[in-house]
Amino acid sequence: MAKQNKNAGFQQAAGLIRYFDAEEETSIKIDPRIVLGMAFGVAIIVIAITLIFPLR
């Protein structure tokens, strides 16, 4: 059986950390309050539509 490298997990984790650090610099930043507000707004719209046009 092949000898397993005990440091492989750390090296893989370090690679993922570098990947996500690089990704954060180019990604779009959205304020969490905007996301919550939009979710709340969509929920209100869905509730209003179901009250106006109820299923038969």
N, C-alpha and C. Protein backbone atom coordinates (compact mmCIF):
# COMPACT_ATOMS: atom_id res chain seq x y z
N MET A 1 0.84 -1.17 0.00
CA MET A 1 0.00 0.00 0.00
C MET A 1 0.90 1.25 0.00
N ALA A 2 0.43 2.30 -0.63
CA ALA A 2 1.22 3.52 -0.73
C ALA A 2 1.24 4.26 0.60
N LYS A 3 2.36 4.90 0.89
CA LYS A 3 2.50 5.66 2.11
C LYS A 3 1.69 6.96 1.98
N GLN A 4 0.86 7.26 2.99
CA GLN A 4 0.03 8.46 2.94
C GLN A 4 0.78 9.65 3.52
N ASN A 5 0.60 10.79 2.89
CA ASN A 5 1.24 12.01 3.35
C ASN A 5 0.34 12.67 4.38
N LYS A 6 0.82 12.87 5.61
CA LYS A 6 0.00 13.45 6.68
C LYS A 6 -0.24 14.95 6.48
N ASN A 7 0.57 15.63 5.70
CA ASN A 7 0.43 17.07 5.48
C ASN A 7 -0.46 17.41 4.30
N ALA A 8 -1.01 16.42 3.62
CA ALA A 8 -1.80 16.68 2.42
C ALA A 8 -3.05 17.50 2.75
N GLY A 9 -3.70 17.21 3.85
CA GLY A 9 -4.91 17.96 4.22
C GLY A 9 -4.63 19.43 4.44
N PHE A 10 -3.54 19.74 5.10
CA PHE A 10 -3.19 21.14 5.35
C PHE A 10 -2.88 21.86 4.04
N GLN A 11 -2.18 21.20 3.14
CA GLN A 11 -1.84 21.83 1.86
C GLN A 11 -3.10 22.07 1.04
N GLN A 12 -4.04 21.15 1.07
CA GLN A 12 -5.28 21.35 0.33
C GLN A 12 -6.08 22.49 0.93
N ALA A 13 -6.12 22.56 2.26
CA ALA A 13 -6.85 23.64 2.91
C ALA A 13 -6.22 24.99 2.60
N ALA A 14 -4.90 25.04 2.57
CA ALA A 14 -4.22 26.29 2.26
C ALA A 14 -4.54 26.72 0.83
N GLY A 15 -4.63 25.77 -0.08
CA GLY A 15 -4.98 26.10 -1.46
C GLY A 15 -6.38 26.65 -1.56
N LEU A 16 -7.32 26.08 -0.80
CA LEU A 16 -8.70 26.58 -0.81
C LEU A 16 -8.77 27.98 -0.22
N ILE A 17 -7.99 28.22 0.83
CA ILE A 17 -7.99 29.55 1.44
C ILE A 17 -7.48 30.58 0.43
N ARG A 18 -6.42 30.25 -0.28
CA ARG A 18 -5.90 31.18 -1.28
C ARG A 18 -6.92 31.41 -2.39
N TYR A 19 -7.62 30.35 -2.80
CA TYR A 19 -8.63 30.48 -3.86
C TYR A 19 -9.74 31.43 -3.41
N PHE A 20 -10.27 31.23 -2.21
CA PHE A 20 -11.37 32.07 -1.76
C PHE A 20 -10.92 33.49 -1.45
N ASP A 21 -9.68 33.69 -1.02
CA ASP A 21 -9.17 35.05 -0.82
C ASP A 21 -9.10 35.79 -2.14
N ALA A 22 -8.66 35.13 -3.18
CA ALA A 22 -8.58 35.76 -4.50
C ALA A 22 -9.98 36.02 -5.04
N GLU A 23 -10.90 35.14 -4.75
CA GLU A 23 -12.27 35.28 -5.25
C GLU A 23 -12.97 36.47 -4.59
N GLU A 24 -12.69 36.73 -3.33
CA GLU A 24 -13.35 37.82 -2.63
C GLU A 24 -13.00 39.18 -3.21
N GLU A 25 -11.81 39.33 -3.75
CA GLU A 25 -11.40 40.62 -4.28
C GLU A 25 -12.17 41.01 -5.54
N THR A 26 -12.61 40.03 -6.31
CA THR A 26 -13.28 40.32 -7.57
C THR A 26 -14.80 40.15 -7.49
N SER A 27 -15.31 39.66 -6.37
CA SER A 27 -16.74 39.39 -6.29
C SER A 27 -17.52 40.66 -5.97
N ILE A 28 -18.80 40.61 -6.24
CA ILE A 28 -19.69 41.74 -5.97
C ILE A 28 -20.03 41.73 -4.48
N LYS A 29 -19.97 42.89 -3.86
CA LYS A 29 -20.29 43.01 -2.44
C LYS A 29 -21.72 43.51 -2.31
N ILE A 30 -22.56 42.75 -1.60
CA ILE A 30 -23.95 43.13 -1.36
C ILE A 30 -24.15 43.20 0.14
N ASP A 31 -24.72 44.29 0.59
CA ASP A 31 -24.99 44.47 2.01
C ASP A 31 -26.04 43.45 2.46
N PRO A 32 -25.82 42.77 3.57
CA PRO A 32 -26.78 41.77 4.04
C PRO A 32 -28.18 42.35 4.29
N ARG A 33 -28.25 43.62 4.65
CA ARG A 33 -29.56 44.24 4.86
C ARG A 33 -30.35 44.32 3.56
N ILE A 34 -29.67 44.50 2.44
CA ILE A 34 -30.35 44.53 1.14
C ILE A 34 -30.92 43.17 0.81
N VAL A 35 -30.15 42.12 1.08
CA VAL A 35 -30.62 40.75 0.82
C VAL A 35 -31.84 40.44 1.68
N LEU A 36 -31.78 40.79 2.96
CA LEU A 36 -32.92 40.55 3.85
C LEU A 36 -34.14 41.37 3.42
N GLY A 37 -33.91 42.61 3.04
CA GLY A 37 -35.01 43.45 2.59
C GLY A 37 -35.68 42.92 1.34
N MET A 38 -34.86 42.43 0.40
CA MET A 38 -35.43 41.87 -0.83
C MET A 38 -36.21 40.59 -0.53
N ALA A 39 -35.69 39.75 0.36
CA ALA A 39 -36.41 38.53 0.73
C ALA A 39 -37.73 38.87 1.40
N PHE A 40 -37.71 39.84 2.28
CA PHE A 40 -38.94 40.28 2.95
C PHE A 40 -39.93 40.86 1.94
N GLY A 41 -39.43 41.65 1.01
CA GLY A 41 -40.30 42.23 -0.02
C GLY A 41 -40.94 41.18 -0.91
N VAL A 42 -40.16 40.17 -1.31
CA VAL A 42 -40.72 39.09 -2.14
C VAL A 42 -41.77 38.32 -1.35
N ALA A 43 -41.51 38.08 -0.07
CA ALA A 43 -42.49 37.35 0.75
C ALA A 43 -43.79 38.14 0.85
N ILE A 44 -43.71 39.45 1.02
CA ILE A 44 -44.92 40.29 1.09
C ILE A 44 -45.67 40.25 -0.22
N ILE A 45 -44.95 40.30 -1.33
CA ILE A 45 -45.60 40.25 -2.65
C ILE A 45 -46.31 38.91 -2.85
N VAL A 46 -45.66 37.81 -2.48
CA VAL A 46 -46.27 36.49 -2.63
C VAL A 46 -47.52 36.37 -1.76
N ILE A 47 -47.46 36.86 -0.53
CA ILE A 47 -48.62 36.81 0.35
C ILE A 47 -49.75 37.67 -0.21
N ALA A 48 -49.43 38.85 -0.72
CA ALA A 48 -50.46 39.73 -1.29
C ALA A 48 -51.12 39.08 -2.51
N ILE A 49 -50.33 38.45 -3.36
CA ILE A 49 -50.89 37.80 -4.55
C ILE A 49 -51.81 36.65 -4.16
N THR A 50 -51.40 35.87 -3.14
CA THR A 50 -52.27 34.75 -2.73
C THR A 50 -53.55 35.25 -2.07
N LEU A 51 -53.52 36.42 -1.43
CA LEU A 51 -54.75 36.97 -0.86
C LEU A 51 -55.65 37.55 -1.93
N ILE A 52 -55.07 38.15 -2.96
CA ILE A 52 -55.86 38.76 -4.03
C ILE A 52 -56.43 37.70 -4.96
N PHE A 53 -55.61 36.70 -5.29
CA PHE A 53 -56.01 35.64 -6.21
C PHE A 53 -55.91 34.28 -5.51
N PRO A 54 -56.86 33.95 -4.65
CA PRO A 54 -56.77 32.69 -3.91
C PRO A 54 -56.96 31.48 -4.83
N LEU A 55 -56.35 30.36 -4.46
CA LEU A 55 -56.51 29.12 -5.22
C LEU A 55 -57.91 28.58 -4.96
N ARG A 56 -58.51 28.00 -5.96
CA ARG A 56 -59.89 27.53 -5.82
C ARG A 56 -59.96 26.19 -5.21
